[in-house]
Amino acid sequence: MRFLIVRTEIRTAADADIAAAWAGGGRLRDETCTPEPRRQVVHAEDRDAALLLARALSAVGAVRAGRHRVKVLPIAEPAPGHPYRWHGG
């Protein structure tokens, strides 16, 4: 399985937004609608390589200071016999 390693900026949230999300039971951030801005994207062919790259990106000063975050996302392989269809959909 392939992986995508992404370093993104963390969006700040106002106290009023946090209180509204908490009171309404909703989400403060919804990555499917408004993803965080990407700063760096790297691909890896297996889990061990992905975790090694994520560890390396986590050493960046902005990540250590809490302004960026590192995400490791699995990417589904294409279905055999259907080069343009993916397992997820």
PDB file of N, CA and C in Angstrom:
ATOM      1  N   MET A   1       0.838  -1.175   0.000  1.00  0.00           N
ATOM      2  CA  MET A   1       0.000   0.000   0.000  1.00  0.00           C
ATOM      3  C   MET A   1       0.883   1.237   0.000  1.00  0.00           C
ATOM      4  N   ARG A   2       0.476   2.229  -0.746  1.00  0.00           N
ATOM      5  CA  ARG A   2       1.223   3.483  -0.817  1.00  0.00           C
ATOM      6  C   ARG A   2       0.684   4.464   0.223  1.00  0.00           C
ATOM      7  N   PHE A   3       1.523   5.436   0.583  1.00  0.00           N
ATOM      8  CA  PHE A   3       1.144   6.421   1.585  1.00  0.00           C
ATOM      9  C   PHE A   3       1.492   7.819   1.103  1.00  0.00           C
ATOM     10  N   LEU A   4       0.737   8.777   1.581  1.00  0.00           N
ATOM     11  CA  LEU A   4       0.977  10.183   1.319  1.00  0.00           C
ATOM     12  C   LEU A   4       1.318  10.834   2.654  1.00  0.00           C
ATOM     13  N   ILE A   5       2.438  11.528   2.719  1.00  0.00           N
ATOM     14  CA  ILE A   5       2.847  12.214   3.938  1.00  0.00           C
ATOM     15  C   ILE A   5       2.726  13.707   3.649  1.00  0.00           C
ATOM     16  N   VAL A   6       1.941  14.393   4.472  1.00  0.00           N
ATOM     17  CA  VAL A   6       1.620  15.793   4.223  1.00  0.00           C
ATOM     18  C   VAL A   6       1.981  16.627   5.442  1.00  0.00           C
ATOM     19  N   ARG A   7       2.670  17.743   5.206  1.00  0.00           N
ATOM     20  CA  ARG A   7       2.904  18.725   6.273  1.00  0.00           C
ATOM     21  C   ARG A   7       1.982  19.901   5.992  1.00  0.00           C
ATOM     22  N   THR A   8       1.099  20.221   6.945  1.00  0.00           N
ATOM     23  CA  THR A   8       0.111  21.278   6.758  1.00  0.00           C
ATOM     24  C   THR A   8       0.249  22.343   7.828  1.00  0.00           C
ATOM     25  N   GLU A   9      -0.299  23.511   7.533  1.00  0.00           N
ATOM     26  CA  GLU A   9      -0.395  24.574   8.519  1.00  0.00           C
ATOM     27  C   GLU A   9      -1.600  24.282   9.413  1.00  0.00           C
ATOM     28  N   ILE A  10      -1.483  24.613  10.678  1.00  0.00           N
ATOM     29  CA  ILE A  10      -2.607  24.442  11.603  1.00  0.00           C
ATOM     30  C   ILE A  10      -3.388  25.745  11.621  1.00  0.00           C
ATOM     31  N   ARG A  11      -4.675  25.646  11.322  1.00  0.00           N
ATOM     32  CA  ARG A  11      -5.528  26.834  11.372  1.00  0.00           C
ATOM     33  C   ARG A  11      -5.866  27.152  12.819  1.00  0.00           C
ATOM     34  N   THR A  12      -5.741  28.402  13.182  1.00  0.00           N
ATOM     35  CA  THR A  12      -6.124  28.799  14.537  1.00  0.00           C
ATOM     36  C   THR A  12      -7.638  28.974  14.595  1.00  0.00           C
ATOM     37  N   ALA A  13      -8.183  28.769  15.759  1.00  0.00           N
ATOM     38  CA  ALA A  13      -9.627  28.903  15.953  1.00  0.00           C
ATOM     39  C   ALA A  13      -9.889  29.906  17.072  1.00  0.00           C
ATOM     40  N   ALA A  14     -10.874  30.746  16.853  1.00  0.00           N
ATOM     41  CA  ALA A  14     -11.253  31.724  17.862  1.00  0.00           C
ATOM     42  C   ALA A  14     -11.988  31.020  19.004  1.00  0.00           C
ATOM     43  N   ASP A  15     -11.925  31.607  20.183  1.00  0.00           N
ATOM     44  CA  ASP A  15     -12.607  31.014  21.341  1.00  0.00           C
ATOM     45  C   ASP A  15     -14.103  30.865  21.096  1.00  0.00           C
ATOM     46  N   ALA A  16     -14.716  31.814  20.395  1.00  0.00           N
ATOM     47  CA  ALA A  16     -16.150  31.737  20.109  1.00  0.00           C
ATOM     48  C   ALA A  16     -16.465  30.536  19.220  1.00  0.00           C
ATOM     49  N   ASP A  17     -15.587  30.254  18.247  1.00  0.00           N
ATOM     50  CA  ASP A  17     -15.785  29.098  17.363  1.00  0.00           C
ATOM     51  C   ASP A  17     -15.664  27.790  18.137  1.00  0.00           C
ATOM     52  N   ILE A  18     -14.716  27.737  19.047  1.00  0.00           N
ATOM     53  CA  ILE A  18     -14.543  26.535  19.868  1.00  0.00           C
ATOM     54  C   ILE A  18     -15.766  26.310  20.737  1.00  0.00           C
ATOM     55  N   ALA A  19     -16.267  27.369  21.361  1.00  0.00           N
ATOM     56  CA  ALA A  19     -17.447  27.267  22.222  1.00  0.00           C
ATOM     57  C   ALA A  19     -18.672  26.843  21.423  1.00  0.00           C
ATOM     58  N   ALA A  20     -18.844  27.394  20.220  1.00  0.00           N
ATOM     59  CA  ALA A  20     -19.996  27.045  19.383  1.00  0.00           C
ATOM     60  C   ALA A  20     -19.940  25.588  18.951  1.00  0.00           C
ATOM     61  N   ALA A  21     -18.767  25.117  18.567  1.00  0.00           N
ATOM     62  CA  ALA A  21     -18.627  23.716  18.156  1.00  0.00           C
ATOM     63  C   ALA A  21     -18.871  22.787  19.336  1.00  0.00           C
ATOM     64  N   TRP A  22     -18.383  23.163  20.490  1.00  0.00           N
ATOM     65  CA  TRP A  22     -18.571  22.344  21.692  1.00  0.00           C
ATOM     66  C   TRP A  22     -20.050  22.295  22.085  1.00  0.00           C
ATOM     67  N   ALA A  23     -20.721  23.435  22.056  1.00  0.00           N
ATOM     68  CA  ALA A  23     -22.129  23.509  22.463  1.00  0.00           C
ATOM     69  C   ALA A  23     -23.041  22.804  21.459  1.00  0.00           C
ATOM     70  N   GLY A  24     -22.735  22.936  20.179  1.00  0.00           N
ATOM     71  CA  GLY A  24     -23.584  22.348  19.147  1.00  0.00           C
ATOM     72  C   GLY A  24     -23.275  20.899  18.839  1.00  0.00           C
ATOM     73  N   GLY A  25     -22.195  20.365  19.394  1.00  0.00           N
ATOM     74  CA  GLY A  25     -21.821  18.982  19.122  1.00  0.00           C
ATOM     75  C   GLY A  25     -21.230  18.779  17.742  1.00  0.00           C
ATOM     76  N   GLY A  26     -20.907  19.872  17.040  1.00  0.00           N
ATOM     77  CA  GLY A  26     -20.342  19.775  15.696  1.00  0.00           C
ATOM     78  C   GLY A  26     -18.833  19.716  15.726  1.00  0.00           C
ATOM     79  N   ARG A  27     -18.253  19.750  14.561  1.00  0.00           N
ATOM     80  CA  ARG A  27     -16.800  19.731  14.426  1.00  0.00           C
ATOM     81  C   ARG A  27     -16.278  21.150  14.288  1.00  0.00           C
ATOM     82  N   LEU A  28     -15.139  21.378  14.874  1.00  0.00           N
ATOM     83  CA  LEU A  28     -14.485  22.672  14.728  1.00  0.00           C
ATOM     84  C   LEU A  28     -13.829  22.767  13.357  1.00  0.00           C
ATOM     85  N   ARG A  29     -13.189  21.687  12.952  1.00  0.00           N
ATOM     86  CA  ARG A  29     -12.542  21.628  11.641  1.00  0.00           C
ATOM     87  C   ARG A  29     -13.045  20.405  10.896  1.00  0.00           C
ATOM     88  N   ASP A  30     -13.371  20.593   9.632  1.00  0.00           N
ATOM     89  CA  ASP A  30     -13.799  19.473   8.795  1.00  0.00           C
ATOM     90  C   ASP A  30     -12.865  19.434   7.588  1.00  0.00           C
ATOM     91  N   GLU A  31     -11.931  18.491   7.626  1.00  0.00           N
ATOM     92  CA  GLU A  31     -10.911  18.394   6.580  1.00  0.00           C
ATOM     93  C   GLU A  31     -11.498  18.070   5.209  1.00  0.00           C
ATOM     94  N   THR A  32     -12.687  17.459   5.163  1.00  0.00           N
ATOM     95  CA  THR A  32     -13.272  17.118   3.866  1.00  0.00           C
ATOM     96  C   THR A  32     -13.808  18.349   3.150  1.00  0.00           C
ATOM     97  N   CYS A  33     -14.246  19.340   3.904  1.00  0.00           N
ATOM     98  CA  CYS A  33     -14.783  20.574   3.295  1.00  0.00           C
ATOM     99  C   CYS A  33     -13.710  21.640   3.093  1.00  0.00           C
ATOM    100  N   THR A  34     -12.930  21.865   4.132  1.00  0.00           N
ATOM    101  CA  THR A  34     -11.895  22.902   4.073  1.00  0.00           C
ATOM    102  C   THR A  34     -10.598  22.349   4.653  1.00  0.00           C
ATOM    103  N   PRO A  35      -9.803  21.679   3.825  1.00  0.00           N
ATOM    104  CA  PRO A  35      -8.550  21.119   4.332  1.00  0.00           C
ATOM    105  C   PRO A  35      -7.552  22.211   4.712  1.00  0.00           C
ATOM    106  N   GLU A  36      -6.657  21.865   5.610  1.00  0.00           N
ATOM    107  CA  GLU A  36      -5.614  22.804   6.008  1.00  0.00           C
ATOM    108  C   GLU A  36      -4.664  23.030   4.837  1.00  0.00           C
ATOM    109  N   PRO A  37      -4.100  24.238   4.726  1.00  0.00           N
ATOM    110  CA  PRO A  37      -3.164  24.513   3.627  1.00  0.00           C
ATOM    111  C   PRO A  37      -1.929  23.608   3.705  1.00  0.00           C
ATOM    112  N   ARG A  38      -1.569  23.012   2.579  1.00  0.00           N
ATOM    113  CA  ARG A  38      -0.416  22.105   2.522  1.00  0.00           C
ATOM    114  C   ARG A  38       0.872  22.900   2.341  1.00  0.00           C
ATOM    115  N   ARG A  39       1.892  22.467   3.033  1.00  0.00           N
ATOM    116  CA  ARG A  39       3.208  23.077   2.904  1.00  0.00           C
ATOM    117  C   ARG A  39       4.179  22.150   2.180  1.00  0.00           C
ATOM    118  N   GLN A  40       3.994  20.829   2.359  1.00  0.00           N
ATOM    119  CA  GLN A  40       4.907  19.863   1.750  1.00  0.00           C
ATOM    120  C   GLN A  40       4.179  18.535   1.606  1.00  0.00           C
ATOM    121  N   VAL A  41       4.389  17.852   0.480  1.00  0.00           N
ATOM    122  CA  VAL A  41       3.759  16.554   0.223  1.00  0.00           C
ATOM    123  C   VAL A  41       4.835  15.589  -0.268  1.00  0.00           C
ATOM    124  N   VAL A  42       4.849  14.376   0.320  1.00  0.00           N
ATOM    125  CA  VAL A  42       5.825  13.350  -0.044  1.00  0.00           C
ATOM    126  C   VAL A  42       5.083  12.026  -0.180  1.00  0.00           C
ATOM    127  N   HIS A  43       5.502  11.181  -1.120  1.00  0.00           N
ATOM    128  CA  HIS A  43       4.915   9.851  -1.308  1.00  0.00           C
ATOM    129  C   HIS A  43       5.868   8.793  -0.771  1.00  0.00           C
ATOM    130  N   ALA A  44       5.285   7.687  -0.263  1.00  0.00           N
ATOM    131  CA  ALA A  44       6.087   6.539   0.178  1.00  0.00           C
ATOM    132  C   ALA A  44       5.413   5.267  -0.303  1.00  0.00           C
ATOM    133  N   GLU A  45       6.208   4.261  -0.586  1.00  0.00           N
ATOM    134  CA  GLU A  45       5.685   3.006  -1.118  1.00  0.00           C
ATOM    135  C   GLU A  45       5.253   2.017  -0.044  1.00  0.00           C
ATOM    136  N   ASP A  46       5.737   2.170   1.188  1.00  0.00           N
ATOM    137  CA  ASP A  46       5.307   1.259   2.253  1.00  0.00           C
ATOM    138  C   ASP A  46       5.215   2.014   3.582  1.00  0.00           C
ATOM    139  N   ARG A  47       4.655   1.353   4.588  1.00  0.00           N
ATOM    140  CA  ARG A  47       4.385   1.983   5.881  1.00  0.00           C
ATOM    141  C   ARG A  47       5.667   2.402   6.597  1.00  0.00           C
ATOM    142  N   ASP A  48       6.677   1.567   6.568  1.00  0.00           N
ATOM    143  CA  ASP A  48       7.929   1.892   7.254  1.00  0.00           C
ATOM    144  C   ASP A  48       8.571   3.147   6.660  1.00  0.00           C
ATOM    145  N   ALA A  49       8.580   3.234   5.342  1.00  0.00           N
ATOM    146  CA  ALA A  49       9.141   4.417   4.686  1.00  0.00           C
ATOM    147  C   ALA A  49       8.307   5.658   5.011  1.00  0.00           C
ATOM    148  N   ALA A  50       6.981   5.496   5.053  1.00  0.00           N
ATOM    149  CA  ALA A  50       6.104   6.622   5.371  1.00  0.00           C
ATOM    150  C   ALA A  50       6.357   7.139   6.776  1.00  0.00           C
ATOM    151  N   LEU A  51       6.512   6.229   7.738  1.00  0.00           N
ATOM    152  CA  LEU A  51       6.758   6.647   9.113  1.00  0.00           C
ATOM    153  C   LEU A  51       8.141   7.290   9.264  1.00  0.00           C
ATOM    154  N   LEU A  52       9.116   6.793   8.524  1.00  0.00           N
ATOM    155  CA  LEU A  52      10.449   7.394   8.554  1.00  0.00           C
ATOM    156  C   LEU A  52      10.417   8.824   8.003  1.00  0.00           C
ATOM    157  N   LEU A  53       9.710   9.021   6.888  1.00  0.00           N
ATOM    158  CA  LEU A  53       9.574  10.358   6.321  1.00  0.00           C
ATOM    159  C   LEU A  53       8.786  11.279   7.249  1.00  0.00           C
ATOM    160  N   ALA A  54       7.736  10.755   7.888  1.00  0.00           N
ATOM    161  CA  ALA A  54       6.943  11.560   8.821  1.00  0.00           C
ATOM    162  C   ALA A  54       7.790  11.997  10.010  1.00  0.00           C
ATOM    163  N   ARG A  55       8.632  11.096  10.489  1.00  0.00           N
ATOM    164  CA  ARG A  55       9.539  11.445  11.595  1.00  0.00           C
ATOM    165  C   ARG A  55      10.489  12.561  11.177  1.00  0.00           C
ATOM    166  N   ALA A  56      11.001  12.473   9.960  1.00  0.00           N
ATOM    167  CA  ALA A  56      11.920  13.503   9.468  1.00  0.00           C
ATOM    168  C   ALA A  56      11.209  14.849   9.337  1.00  0.00           C
ATOM    169  N   LEU A  57       9.981  14.838   8.812  1.00  0.00           N
ATOM    170  CA  LEU A  57       9.232  16.088   8.677  1.00  0.00           C
ATOM    171  C   LEU A  57       8.832  16.659  10.039  1.00  0.00           C
ATOM    172  N   SER A  58       8.694  15.793  11.028  1.00  0.00           N
ATOM    173  CA  SER A  58       8.328  16.251  12.365  1.00  0.00           C
ATOM    174  C   SER A  58       9.465  17.010  13.045  1.00  0.00           C
ATOM    175  N   ALA A  59      10.667  16.908  12.520  1.00  0.00           N
ATOM    176  CA  ALA A  59      11.805  17.620  13.090  1.00  0.00           C
ATOM    177  C   ALA A  59      11.879  19.074  12.626  1.00  0.00           C
ATOM    178  N   VAL A  60      11.032  19.448  11.659  1.00  0.00           N
ATOM    179  CA  VAL A  60      11.008  20.828  11.171  1.00  0.00           C
ATOM    180  C   VAL A  60      10.570  21.747  12.315  1.00  0.00           C
ATOM    181  N   GLY A  61      11.194  22.901  12.401  1.00  0.00           N
ATOM    182  CA  GLY A  61      10.930  23.828  13.496  1.00  0.00           C
ATOM    183  C   GLY A  61       9.471  24.227  13.641  1.00  0.00           C
ATOM    184  N   ALA A  62       8.775  24.451  12.522  1.00  0.00           N
ATOM    185  CA  ALA A  62       7.369  24.860  12.587  1.00  0.00           C
ATOM    186  C   ALA A  62       6.482  23.749  13.150  1.00  0.00           C
ATOM    187  N   VAL A  63       6.826  22.503  12.899  1.00  0.00           N
ATOM    188  CA  VAL A  63       6.071  21.378  13.460  1.00  0.00           C
ATOM    189  C   VAL A  63       6.334  21.298  14.962  1.00  0.00           C
ATOM    190  N   ARG A  64       7.578  21.410  15.339  1.00  0.00           N
ATOM    191  CA  ARG A  64       7.934  21.341  16.760  1.00  0.00           C
ATOM    192  C   ARG A  64       7.344  22.501  17.548  1.00  0.00           C
ATOM    193  N   ALA A  65       7.166  23.660  16.887  1.00  0.00           N
ATOM    194  CA  ALA A  65       6.595  24.827  17.554  1.00  0.00           C
ATOM    195  C   ALA A  65       5.070  24.792  17.584  1.00  0.00           C
ATOM    196  N   GLY A  66       4.454  23.829  16.870  1.00  0.00           N
ATOM    197  CA  GLY A  66       2.999  23.707  16.890  1.00  0.00           C
ATOM    198  C   GLY A  66       2.279  24.528  15.838  1.00  0.00           C
ATOM    199  N   ARG A  67       3.012  25.064  14.845  1.00  0.00           N
ATOM    200  CA  ARG A  67       2.364  25.825  13.776  1.00  0.00           C
ATOM    201  C   ARG A  67       2.000  24.947  12.581  1.00  0.00           C
ATOM    202  N   HIS A  68       2.679  23.803  12.423  1.00  0.00           N
ATOM    203  CA  HIS A  68       2.391  22.842  11.348  1.00  0.00           C
ATOM    204  C   HIS A  68       2.161  21.475  11.975  1.00  0.00           C
ATOM    205  N   ARG A  69       1.530  20.576  11.204  1.00  0.00           N
ATOM    206  CA  ARG A  69       1.382  19.188  11.644  1.00  0.00           C
ATOM    207  C   ARG A  69       1.717  18.263  10.485  1.00  0.00           C
ATOM    208  N   VAL A  70       2.058  17.028  10.819  1.00  0.00           N
ATOM    209  CA  VAL A  70       2.400  16.023   9.822  1.00  0.00           C
ATOM    210  C   VAL A  70       1.327  14.943   9.854  1.00  0.00           C
ATOM    211  N   LYS A  71       0.822  14.589   8.666  1.00  0.00           N
ATOM    212  CA  LYS A  71      -0.221  13.569   8.544  1.00  0.00           C
ATOM    213  C   LYS A  71       0.271  12.470   7.618  1.00  0.00           C
ATOM    214  N   VAL A  72      -0.017  11.218   7.968  1.00  0.00           N
ATOM    215  CA  VAL A  72       0.307  10.066   7.130  1.00  0.00           C
ATOM    216  C   VAL A  72      -1.014   9.466   6.680  1.00  0.00           C
ATOM    217  N   LEU A  73      -1.261   9.482   5.371  1.00  0.00           N
ATOM    218  CA  LEU A  73      -2.534   9.034   4.815  1.00  0.00           C
ATOM    219  C   LEU A  73      -2.325   7.847   3.885  1.00  0.00           C
ATOM    220  N   PRO A  74      -3.052   6.745   4.091  1.00  0.00           N
ATOM    221  CA  PRO A  74      -2.927   5.608   3.174  1.00  0.00           C
ATOM    222  C   PRO A  74      -3.637   5.910   1.855  1.00  0.00           C
ATOM    223  N   ILE A  75      -3.049   5.449   0.775  1.00  0.00           N
ATOM    224  CA  ILE A  75      -3.639   5.609  -0.558  1.00  0.00           C
ATOM    225  C   ILE A  75      -3.968   4.218  -1.073  1.00  0.00           C
ATOM    226  N   ALA A  76      -5.202   3.991  -1.470  1.00  0.00           N
ATOM    227  CA  ALA A  76      -5.615   2.677  -1.962  1.00  0.00           C
ATOM    228  C   ALA A  76      -4.972   2.401  -3.316  1.00  0.00           C
ATOM    229  N   GLU A  77      -4.637   1.157  -3.546  1.00  0.00           N
ATOM    230  CA  GLU A  77      -4.083   0.744  -4.826  1.00  0.00           C
ATOM    231  C   GLU A  77      -5.222   0.617  -5.848  1.00  0.00           C
ATOM    232  N   PRO A  78      -4.951   0.827  -7.128  1.00  0.00           N
ATOM    233  CA  PRO A  78      -5.995   0.650  -8.138  1.00  0.00           C
ATOM    234  C   PRO A  78      -6.434  -0.813  -8.206  1.00  0.00           C
ATOM    235  N   ALA A  79      -7.711  -1.017  -8.445  1.00  0.00           N
ATOM    236  CA  ALA A  79      -8.251  -2.367  -8.550  1.00  0.00           C
ATOM    237  C   ALA A  79      -7.664  -3.053  -9.784  1.00  0.00           C
ATOM    238  N   PRO A  80      -7.235  -4.328  -9.668  1.00  0.00           N
ATOM    239  CA  PRO A  80      -6.703  -5.022 -10.839  1.00  0.00           C
ATOM    240  C   PRO A  80      -7.785  -5.176 -11.914  1.00  0.00           C
ATOM    241  N   GLY A  81      -7.423  -4.940 -13.145  1.00  0.00           N
ATOM    242  CA  GLY A  81      -8.387  -5.054 -14.240  1.00  0.00           C
ATOM    243  C   GLY A  81      -9.148  -3.759 -14.490  1.00  0.00           C
ATOM    244  N   HIS A  82      -9.096  -2.836 -13.549  1.00  0.00           N
ATOM    245  CA  HIS A  82      -9.774  -1.538 -13.688  1.00  0.00           C
ATOM    246  C   HIS A  82      -8.763  -0.446 -13.365  1.00  0.00           C
ATOM    247  N   PRO A  83      -7.962  -0.037 -14.328  1.00  0.00           N
ATOM    248  CA  PRO A  83      -6.883   0.908 -14.026  1.00  0.00           C
ATOM    249  C   PRO A  83      -7.371   2.290 -13.587  1.00  0.00           C
ATOM    250  N   TYR A  84      -8.642   2.624 -13.850  1.00  0.00           N
ATOM    251  CA  TYR A  84      -9.126   3.952 -13.478  1.00  0.00           C
ATOM    252  C   TYR A  84     -10.137   3.919 -12.345  1.00  0.00           C
ATOM    253  N   ARG A  85     -10.303   2.763 -11.704  1.00  0.00           N
ATOM    254  CA  ARG A  85     -11.218   2.661 -10.559  1.00  0.00           C
ATOM    255  C   ARG A  85     -10.419   2.334  -9.318  1.00  0.00           C
ATOM    256  N   TRP A  86     -10.820   2.920  -8.204  1.00  0.00           N
ATOM    257  CA  TRP A  86     -10.152   2.718  -6.937  1.00  0.00           C
ATOM    258  C   TRP A  86     -11.073   1.954  -6.009  1.00  0.00           C
ATOM    259  N   HIS A  87     -10.505   1.243  -5.025  1.00  0.00           N
ATOM    260  CA  HIS A  87     -11.285   0.441  -4.106  1.00  0.00           C
ATOM    261  C   HIS A  87     -12.318   1.261  -3.338  1.00  0.00           C
ATOM    262  N   GLY A  88     -11.997   2.490  -2.993  1.00  0.00           N
ATOM    263  CA  GLY A  88     -12.875   3.316  -2.164  1.00  0.00           C
ATOM    264  C   GLY A  88     -14.087   3.847  -2.870  1.00  0.00           C
ATOM    265  N   GLY A  89     -14.223   3.713  -4.167  1.00  0.00           N
ATOM    266  CA  GLY A  89     -15.384   4.332  -4.771  1.00  0.00           C
ATOM    267  C   GLY A  89     -15.646   4.011  -6.166  1.00  0.00           C
TER     268      GLY A  89
END
